[in-house]
Amino acid sequence: MSGRPSPEGVTLDAVDRRIIAATQGGLPLVPEPFHQLAETLGLTAEEVMERLQRMQAAGAVRRIAAIPHHYALGFKANGMTVWDVPDDRVDVLGPQVGALDFVSHAYRRPRHPPRWPYNLFAMVHGRSRDEVEAQVAVIADLLGDANRGHQVLYSTRVLKKTGLRLRA
């Protein structure tokens, strides 16, 4: 069984890639999605589930979960918060910010001084800008004296709303 290494160094064979290609747009919205997927791919549901679990354990698949479309749910105030925190504390503080239930994703990013001092990014979603500002205040409280400044970059329109796409 030969395969190509993925960017994470995990080797995916042709069947793994077919499963990824078939699921990257979402699982079928049926009572037994893995069974339908298996039938489409000519596999057993057990093989599909085992392969997905293996890819998840190896880090090739981060998670298998429902991803709500926040705009359709009324969360129209979306802001990428950017924070200037000490570099020696960002690896501890970043996961704490990322664990907040209103933060959809958080990243450590390189600074670009003098124009861009921010190294911690956290995306928040609210029904209004007031709600987002309340969330920003919670993050600021969590960061405490490590918060040396921040901004909120509000979305003005959606240009792309999909995850990574692989070719089979």
Protein backbone atom coordinates (compact mmCIF):
# COMPACT_ATOMS: atom_id res chain seq x y z
CA MET A 1 0.00 0.00 0.00
CA SER A 2 1.87 3.08 -1.18
CA GLY A 3 0.86 6.63 -0.45
CA ARG A 4 2.00 10.21 -0.45
CA PRO A 5 2.92 12.00 2.77
CA SER A 6 0.54 14.76 3.76
CA PRO A 7 1.87 18.15 4.93
CA GLU A 8 1.83 16.82 8.52
CA GLY A 9 4.01 13.88 7.51
CA VAL A 10 1.13 11.37 7.68
CA THR A 11 0.97 8.98 4.74
CA LEU A 12 -2.44 8.83 3.09
CA ASP A 13 -3.20 6.12 0.57
CA ALA A 14 -5.58 6.42 -2.37
CA VAL A 15 -8.56 5.19 -0.33
CA ASP A 16 -7.86 7.74 2.43
CA ARG A 17 -7.74 10.49 -0.19
CA ARG A 18 -11.05 9.31 -1.70
CA ILE A 19 -12.65 9.44 1.76
CA ILE A 20 -11.29 12.94 2.36
CA ALA A 21 -12.45 14.13 -1.06
CA ALA A 22 -15.92 12.66 -0.44
CA THR A 23 -16.28 14.26 3.01
CA GLN A 24 -14.64 17.67 2.61
CA GLY A 25 -17.97 19.17 1.57
CA GLY A 26 -19.67 17.61 4.59
CA LEU A 27 -21.19 14.29 5.51
CA PRO A 28 -24.52 13.30 3.98
CA LEU A 29 -27.44 14.57 6.08
CA VAL A 30 -28.98 11.16 6.61
CA PRO A 31 -29.46 8.99 9.74
CA GLU A 32 -26.39 6.84 8.89
CA PRO A 33 -23.97 9.09 6.98
CA PHE A 34 -20.98 6.72 7.17
CA HIS A 35 -23.04 3.90 5.67
CA GLN A 36 -24.13 6.09 2.76
CA LEU A 37 -20.57 7.32 2.27
CA ALA A 38 -19.29 3.74 2.32
CA GLU A 39 -21.84 2.70 -0.28
CA THR A 40 -20.83 5.60 -2.53
CA LEU A 41 -17.13 4.68 -2.20
CA GLY A 42 -17.59 0.91 -2.49
CA LEU A 43 -16.34 0.30 1.06
CA THR A 44 -17.86 -0.93 4.28
CA ALA A 45 -19.06 1.58 6.87
CA GLU A 46 -16.65 -0.01 9.36
CA GLU A 47 -13.69 0.62 7.02
CA VAL A 48 -14.71 4.24 6.48
CA MET A 49 -15.04 4.83 10.23
CA GLU A 50 -11.77 3.01 11.04
CA ARG A 51 -9.86 4.98 8.43
CA LEU A 52 -11.30 8.30 9.62
CA GLN A 53 -10.41 7.42 13.22
CA ARG A 54 -6.87 6.48 12.16
CA MET A 55 -6.45 9.70 10.18
CA GLN A 56 -7.76 11.68 13.15
CA ALA A 57 -5.40 9.92 15.59
CA ALA A 58 -2.48 10.58 13.23
CA GLY A 59 -3.37 14.26 12.88
CA ALA A 60 -4.33 14.19 9.20
CA VAL A 61 -7.96 14.91 10.15
CA ARG A 62 -8.36 17.36 13.00
CA ARG A 63 -11.93 16.57 13.94
CA ILE A 64 -15.23 15.25 12.70
CA ALA A 65 -17.95 17.63 13.81
CA ALA A 66 -20.86 19.73 12.73
CA ILE A 67 -19.78 23.19 11.64
CA PRO A 68 -22.65 25.64 11.85
CA HIS A 69 -22.88 28.50 9.38
CA HIS A 70 -22.81 31.39 11.84
CA TYR A 71 -24.28 33.95 9.43
CA ALA A 72 -27.35 31.78 8.86
CA LEU A 73 -27.73 31.49 12.65
CA GLY A 74 -27.82 35.27 13.05
CA PHE A 75 -24.18 35.85 14.08
CA LYS A 76 -23.48 38.71 11.72
CA ALA A 77 -20.95 40.68 13.78
CA ASN A 78 -17.72 38.77 13.28
CA GLY A 79 -14.41 40.11 14.43
CA MET A 80 -10.87 38.89 14.22
CA THR A 81 -9.39 40.16 17.46
CA VAL A 82 -5.65 40.77 17.38
CA TRP A 83 -3.60 41.06 20.56
CA ASP A 84 -0.11 42.17 21.48
CA VAL A 85 1.01 39.82 24.26
CA PRO A 86 4.54 39.01 25.41
CA ASP A 87 6.07 36.33 23.20
CA ASP A 88 7.10 34.29 26.23
CA ARG A 89 3.45 34.09 27.38
CA VAL A 90 1.53 33.62 24.13
CA ASP A 91 1.86 29.81 24.13
CA VAL A 92 0.16 29.66 27.53
CA LEU A 93 -2.40 32.43 26.99
CA GLY A 94 -3.37 31.48 23.43
CA PRO A 95 -4.94 28.12 24.35
CA GLN A 96 -6.80 29.80 27.22
CA VAL A 97 -8.28 32.32 24.80
CA GLY A 98 -9.01 29.53 22.29
CA ALA A 99 -10.90 27.58 24.98
CA LEU A 100 -13.47 30.38 25.44
CA ASP A 101 -16.80 29.16 24.06
CA PHE A 102 -17.29 32.24 21.86
CA VAL A 103 -13.85 31.96 20.19
CA SER A 104 -14.10 29.84 17.04
CA HIS A 105 -10.35 29.73 16.39
CA ALA A 106 -7.17 31.22 17.78
CA TYR A 107 -3.69 31.46 16.29
CA ARG A 108 -0.20 32.60 17.10
CA ARG A 109 1.08 34.73 14.24
CA PRO A 110 4.36 36.55 13.62
CA ARG A 111 4.58 40.25 14.35
CA HIS A 112 5.54 42.75 11.64
CA PRO A 113 6.87 45.76 13.58
CA PRO A 114 6.57 48.62 13.65
CA ARG A 115 3.22 48.59 11.84
CA TRP A 116 1.81 45.30 13.15
CA PRO A 117 2.69 44.42 16.76
CA TYR A 118 0.06 41.67 17.19
CA ASN A 119 0.97 38.03 17.74
CA LEU A 120 -2.26 36.43 19.05
CA PHE A 121 -5.36 36.26 16.86
CA ALA A 122 -8.80 35.07 18.01
CA MET A 123 -11.98 35.01 15.90
CA VAL A 124 -15.20 35.87 17.72
CA HIS A 125 -18.79 35.92 16.51
CA GLY A 126 -21.75 37.86 17.85
CA ARG A 127 -25.24 38.92 16.86
CA SER A 128 -24.16 42.56 17.22
CA ARG A 129 -20.98 44.59 17.59
CA ASP A 130 -21.98 45.23 21.21
CA GLU A 131 -21.94 41.48 21.82
CA VAL A 132 -18.52 41.19 20.19
CA GLU A 133 -17.21 44.09 22.28
CA ALA A 134 -18.41 42.29 25.43
CA GLN A 135 -16.51 39.20 24.30
CA VAL A 136 -13.41 41.31 23.65
CA ALA A 137 -13.67 42.60 27.22
CA VAL A 138 -13.70 38.99 28.50
CA ILE A 139 -10.54 38.24 26.51
CA ALA A 140 -8.91 41.42 27.79
CA ASP A 141 -9.74 40.42 31.38
CA LEU A 142 -8.31 36.94 30.80
CA LEU A 143 -5.08 38.38 29.37
CA GLY A 144 -4.78 40.93 32.17
CA ASP A 145 -1.45 42.74 32.22
CA ALA A 146 -0.24 40.63 29.27
CA ASN A 147 -2.58 42.66 27.03
CA ARG A 148 -0.34 45.38 25.63
CA GLY A 149 -2.90 46.43 23.03
CA HIS A 150 -5.47 45.01 20.67
CA GLN A 151 -7.79 45.73 17.75
CA VAL A 152 -10.94 44.15 16.35
CA LEU A 153 -11.05 43.70 12.59
CA TYR A 154 -14.72 43.29 11.67
CA SER A 155 -15.77 41.26 8.65
CA THR A 156 -17.55 43.26 5.99
CA ARG A 157 -18.41 40.37 3.64
CA VAL A 158 -17.75 36.67 3.15
CA LEU A 159 -15.32 35.92 0.34
CA LYS A 160 -14.90 32.19 0.99
CA LYS A 161 -16.61 29.83 3.41
CA THR A 162 -15.04 26.39 2.97
CA GLY A 163 -12.30 24.35 4.53
CA LEU A 164 -9.23 22.92 2.86
CA ARG A 165 -10.00 21.10 -0.38
CA LEU A 166 -7.86 18.14 -1.48
CA ARG A 167 -7.92 16.54 -4.87
CA ALA A 168 -8.51 12.79 -4.73
